[in-house]
Amino acid sequence: MELAEQTGTATGGSKPVTPASAVQNGSRREWLIGCRDVANRHRSLTVVVEQNRVLLVGPPGETAVLCQGEVSQLRSALREAAEQAER
């Protein structure tokens, strides 16, 4: 996945995001990953690591909190999806 920093608004703006590195906010690490919504508008998916949990925040602001086993499942699903998308 490409790491990105926001150049527009995370869920409401239509400006694209640009590549960057992870951001440290206190005890939290965050990544903004450029994506598009179902209407093909530029948006971002935010991945946050907080203690031993991973939070995913995507347009329009829905959040998922994952335990370690669920993170492994997500990683596997993302790897498989990326491989299929590259074909």
N, C-alpha and C. Protein backbone atom coordinates (compact mmCIF):
# COMPACT_ATOMS: atom_id res chain seq x y z
N MET A 1 0.83 -1.17 0.00
CA MET A 1 0.00 0.00 0.00
C MET A 1 0.87 1.23 0.00
N GLU A 2 0.42 2.25 -0.63
CA GLU A 2 1.17 3.50 -0.69
C GLU A 2 0.80 4.36 0.50
N LEU A 3 1.80 4.83 1.22
CA LEU A 3 1.55 5.74 2.33
C LEU A 3 1.34 7.13 1.76
N ALA A 4 0.46 7.90 2.39
CA ALA A 4 0.16 9.22 1.84
C ALA A 4 -0.13 10.20 2.96
N GLU A 5 0.08 11.46 2.69
CA GLU A 5 -0.37 12.51 3.59
C GLU A 5 -1.46 13.27 2.87
N GLN A 6 -2.34 13.85 3.63
CA GLN A 6 -3.51 14.49 3.06
C GLN A 6 -3.18 15.87 2.52
N THR A 7 -3.67 16.16 1.30
CA THR A 7 -3.55 17.51 0.77
C THR A 7 -4.91 18.17 0.69
N GLY A 8 -5.97 17.40 0.79
CA GLY A 8 -7.33 17.91 0.84
C GLY A 8 -7.92 17.51 2.17
N THR A 9 -9.24 17.29 2.24
CA THR A 9 -9.83 16.82 3.47
C THR A 9 -9.94 15.31 3.39
N ALA A 10 -9.87 14.65 4.52
CA ALA A 10 -9.79 13.19 4.54
C ALA A 10 -11.01 12.53 3.93
N THR A 11 -12.21 13.01 4.22
CA THR A 11 -13.38 12.35 3.68
C THR A 11 -14.27 13.28 2.89
N GLY A 12 -14.10 14.59 3.02
CA GLY A 12 -15.03 15.48 2.37
C GLY A 12 -14.50 16.18 1.14
N GLY A 13 -13.19 16.32 1.01
CA GLY A 13 -12.65 17.07 -0.11
C GLY A 13 -12.44 16.20 -1.33
N SER A 14 -12.16 16.83 -2.45
CA SER A 14 -11.94 16.06 -3.66
C SER A 14 -10.50 16.16 -4.14
N LYS A 15 -9.61 16.76 -3.33
CA LYS A 15 -8.21 16.87 -3.73
C LYS A 15 -7.52 15.53 -3.52
N PRO A 16 -6.60 15.16 -4.40
CA PRO A 16 -5.89 13.89 -4.24
C PRO A 16 -4.89 13.96 -3.09
N VAL A 17 -4.53 12.79 -2.56
CA VAL A 17 -3.49 12.73 -1.56
C VAL A 17 -2.17 12.46 -2.24
N THR A 18 -1.06 12.83 -1.59
CA THR A 18 0.26 12.65 -2.18
C THR A 18 1.09 11.72 -1.31
N PRO A 19 2.07 11.00 -1.89
CA PRO A 19 2.87 10.06 -1.11
C PRO A 19 3.63 10.74 0.02
N ALA A 20 3.72 10.06 1.16
CA ALA A 20 4.48 10.54 2.32
C ALA A 20 4.73 9.36 3.24
N SER A 21 5.25 9.63 4.44
CA SER A 21 5.53 8.56 5.38
C SER A 21 4.50 8.56 6.50
N ALA A 22 4.64 7.60 7.40
CA ALA A 22 3.74 7.50 8.54
C ALA A 22 3.87 8.73 9.42
N VAL A 23 2.79 9.06 10.10
CA VAL A 23 2.74 10.22 10.99
C VAL A 23 2.65 9.71 12.42
N GLN A 24 3.39 10.31 13.33
CA GLN A 24 3.32 9.96 14.75
C GLN A 24 2.53 11.05 15.46
N ASN A 25 1.38 10.70 16.06
CA ASN A 25 0.57 11.63 16.84
C ASN A 25 0.54 11.15 18.28
N GLY A 26 1.46 11.62 19.10
CA GLY A 26 1.55 11.15 20.48
C GLY A 26 1.92 9.68 20.50
N SER A 27 1.04 8.85 21.07
CA SER A 27 1.30 7.42 21.14
C SER A 27 0.71 6.67 19.94
N ARG A 28 0.15 7.39 18.97
CA ARG A 28 -0.49 6.76 17.81
C ARG A 28 0.31 6.97 16.54
N ARG A 29 0.42 5.91 15.74
CA ARG A 29 0.99 6.02 14.39
C ARG A 29 -0.17 6.00 13.42
N GLU A 30 -0.13 6.85 12.41
CA GLU A 30 -1.21 6.94 11.44
C GLU A 30 -0.65 6.95 10.03
N TRP A 31 -1.37 6.33 9.11
CA TRP A 31 -1.06 6.38 7.69
C TRP A 31 -2.32 6.83 6.96
N LEU A 32 -2.16 7.73 6.01
CA LEU A 32 -3.26 8.10 5.12
C LEU A 32 -2.96 7.47 3.78
N ILE A 33 -3.88 6.67 3.30
CA ILE A 33 -3.70 5.95 2.05
C ILE A 33 -4.72 6.48 1.05
N GLY A 34 -4.24 7.00 -0.06
CA GLY A 34 -5.13 7.54 -1.08
C GLY A 34 -6.03 6.47 -1.65
N CYS A 35 -7.30 6.81 -1.82
CA CYS A 35 -8.27 5.89 -2.41
C CYS A 35 -9.35 6.72 -3.11
N ARG A 36 -10.34 6.04 -3.58
CA ARG A 36 -11.50 6.69 -4.19
C ARG A 36 -12.76 6.10 -3.59
N ASP A 37 -13.83 6.90 -3.57
CA ASP A 37 -15.10 6.37 -3.08
C ASP A 37 -15.89 5.76 -4.23
N VAL A 38 -17.11 5.30 -3.95
CA VAL A 38 -17.91 4.64 -4.99
C VAL A 38 -18.29 5.58 -6.12
N ALA A 39 -18.22 6.89 -5.87
CA ALA A 39 -18.49 7.88 -6.91
C ALA A 39 -17.21 8.31 -7.61
N ASN A 40 -16.10 7.59 -7.36
CA ASN A 40 -14.80 7.82 -8.00
C ASN A 40 -14.15 9.15 -7.60
N ARG A 41 -14.52 9.68 -6.43
CA ARG A 41 -13.90 10.90 -5.91
C ARG A 41 -12.69 10.52 -5.07
N HIS A 42 -11.65 11.38 -5.07
CA HIS A 42 -10.46 11.15 -4.25
C HIS A 42 -10.84 11.22 -2.78
N ARG A 43 -10.42 10.22 -2.03
CA ARG A 43 -10.63 10.14 -0.59
C ARG A 43 -9.40 9.52 0.03
N SER A 44 -9.42 9.29 1.32
CA SER A 44 -8.31 8.58 1.95
C SER A 44 -8.83 7.59 2.98
N LEU A 45 -8.07 6.53 3.15
CA LEU A 45 -8.30 5.54 4.18
C LEU A 45 -7.22 5.78 5.22
N THR A 46 -7.61 5.92 6.47
CA THR A 46 -6.65 6.15 7.53
C THR A 46 -6.47 4.86 8.32
N VAL A 47 -5.22 4.47 8.49
CA VAL A 47 -4.87 3.31 9.31
C VAL A 47 -4.17 3.85 10.54
N VAL A 48 -4.70 3.52 11.71
CA VAL A 48 -4.16 4.01 12.97
C VAL A 48 -3.75 2.83 13.83
N VAL A 49 -2.54 2.87 14.37
CA VAL A 49 -2.09 1.87 15.34
C VAL A 49 -2.15 2.53 16.70
N GLU A 50 -2.94 1.95 17.60
CA GLU A 50 -3.12 2.50 18.94
C GLU A 50 -3.01 1.35 19.93
N GLN A 51 -1.96 1.36 20.74
CA GLN A 51 -1.64 0.27 21.66
C GLN A 51 -1.51 -1.02 20.84
N ASN A 52 -2.32 -2.03 21.11
CA ASN A 52 -2.22 -3.28 20.35
C ASN A 52 -3.37 -3.43 19.36
N ARG A 53 -3.99 -2.32 18.99
CA ARG A 53 -5.14 -2.36 18.09
C ARG A 53 -4.86 -1.58 16.82
N VAL A 54 -5.50 -2.00 15.75
CA VAL A 54 -5.44 -1.28 14.48
C VAL A 54 -6.84 -0.76 14.18
N LEU A 55 -6.93 0.54 13.91
CA LEU A 55 -8.21 1.15 13.56
C LEU A 55 -8.15 1.55 12.09
N LEU A 56 -9.20 1.26 11.36
CA LEU A 56 -9.31 1.66 9.96
C LEU A 56 -10.45 2.66 9.85
N VAL A 57 -10.15 3.83 9.29
CA VAL A 57 -11.16 4.86 9.11
C VAL A 57 -11.23 5.16 7.62
N GLY A 58 -12.37 4.92 7.03
CA GLY A 58 -12.53 5.15 5.60
C GLY A 58 -13.72 6.02 5.32
N PRO A 59 -13.83 6.46 4.10
CA PRO A 59 -14.96 7.31 3.73
C PRO A 59 -16.26 6.57 3.95
N PRO A 60 -17.22 7.22 4.49
CA PRO A 60 -17.32 8.58 5.02
C PRO A 60 -17.07 8.69 6.52
N GLY A 61 -16.15 7.92 7.06
CA GLY A 61 -15.79 8.04 8.47
C GLY A 61 -16.13 6.81 9.29
N GLU A 62 -16.48 5.70 8.65
CA GLU A 62 -16.73 4.47 9.38
C GLU A 62 -15.42 3.96 9.95
N THR A 63 -15.48 3.35 11.14
CA THR A 63 -14.27 2.89 11.81
C THR A 63 -14.39 1.42 12.17
N ALA A 64 -13.31 0.67 11.99
CA ALA A 64 -13.24 -0.73 12.40
C ALA A 64 -12.06 -0.89 13.35
N VAL A 65 -12.27 -1.56 14.46
CA VAL A 65 -11.19 -1.84 15.41
C VAL A 65 -10.91 -3.33 15.31
N LEU A 66 -9.64 -3.69 15.09
CA LEU A 66 -9.27 -5.07 14.85
C LEU A 66 -8.33 -5.60 15.92
N CYS A 67 -8.57 -6.85 16.35
CA CYS A 67 -7.62 -7.51 17.24
C CYS A 67 -6.49 -8.09 16.38
N GLN A 68 -5.47 -8.65 17.02
CA GLN A 68 -4.30 -9.14 16.28
C GLN A 68 -4.68 -10.20 15.23
N GLY A 69 -5.56 -11.12 15.57
CA GLY A 69 -5.98 -12.15 14.61
C GLY A 69 -6.72 -11.56 13.43
N GLU A 70 -7.55 -10.56 13.68
CA GLU A 70 -8.29 -9.91 12.60
C GLU A 70 -7.36 -9.11 11.70
N VAL A 71 -6.31 -8.54 12.29
CA VAL A 71 -5.32 -7.81 11.48
C VAL A 71 -4.63 -8.79 10.53
N SER A 72 -4.32 -9.98 11.01
CA SER A 72 -3.72 -11.01 10.14
C SER A 72 -4.65 -11.36 8.99
N GLN A 73 -5.94 -11.48 9.29
CA GLN A 73 -6.92 -11.77 8.23
C GLN A 73 -6.99 -10.63 7.23
N LEU A 74 -6.98 -9.39 7.72
CA LEU A 74 -7.01 -8.23 6.83
C LEU A 74 -5.77 -8.20 5.95
N ARG A 75 -4.61 -8.44 6.56
CA ARG A 75 -3.36 -8.45 5.80
C ARG A 75 -3.42 -9.49 4.68
N SER A 76 -3.91 -10.68 5.00
CA SER A 76 -4.03 -11.74 3.99
C SER A 76 -5.01 -11.34 2.89
N ALA A 77 -6.13 -10.76 3.30
CA ALA A 77 -7.13 -10.34 2.31
C ALA A 77 -6.58 -9.24 1.41
N LEU A 78 -5.86 -8.27 2.00
CA LEU A 78 -5.28 -7.19 1.20
C LEU A 78 -4.21 -7.72 0.26
N ARG A 79 -3.40 -8.67 0.73
CA ARG A 79 -2.36 -9.25 -0.12
C ARG A 79 -3.00 -9.98 -1.31
N GLU A 80 -4.02 -10.78 -1.03
CA GLU A 80 -4.69 -11.50 -2.11
C GLU A 80 -5.37 -10.54 -3.08
N ALA A 81 -6.03 -9.51 -2.54
CA ALA A 81 -6.71 -8.54 -3.40
C ALA A 81 -5.70 -7.80 -4.27
N ALA A 82 -4.55 -7.43 -3.70
CA ALA A 82 -3.52 -6.73 -4.47
C ALA A 82 -2.99 -7.61 -5.58
N GLU A 83 -2.77 -8.89 -5.28
CA GLU A 83 -2.29 -9.82 -6.30
C GLU A 83 -3.31 -9.97 -7.43
N GLN A 84 -4.59 -10.07 -7.06
CA GLN A 84 -5.63 -10.18 -8.08
C GLN A 84 -5.74 -8.91 -8.90
N ALA A 85 -5.60 -7.76 -8.25
CA ALA A 85 -5.71 -6.48 -8.95
C ALA A 85 -4.56 -6.27 -9.93
N GLU A 86 -3.40 -6.86 -9.63
CA GLU A 86 -2.23 -6.70 -10.49
C GLU A 86 -2.28 -7.61 -11.71
N ARG A 87 -3.16 -8.59 -11.69
CA ARG A 87 -3.25 -9.54 -12.81
C ARG A 87 -3.90 -8.92 -14.01
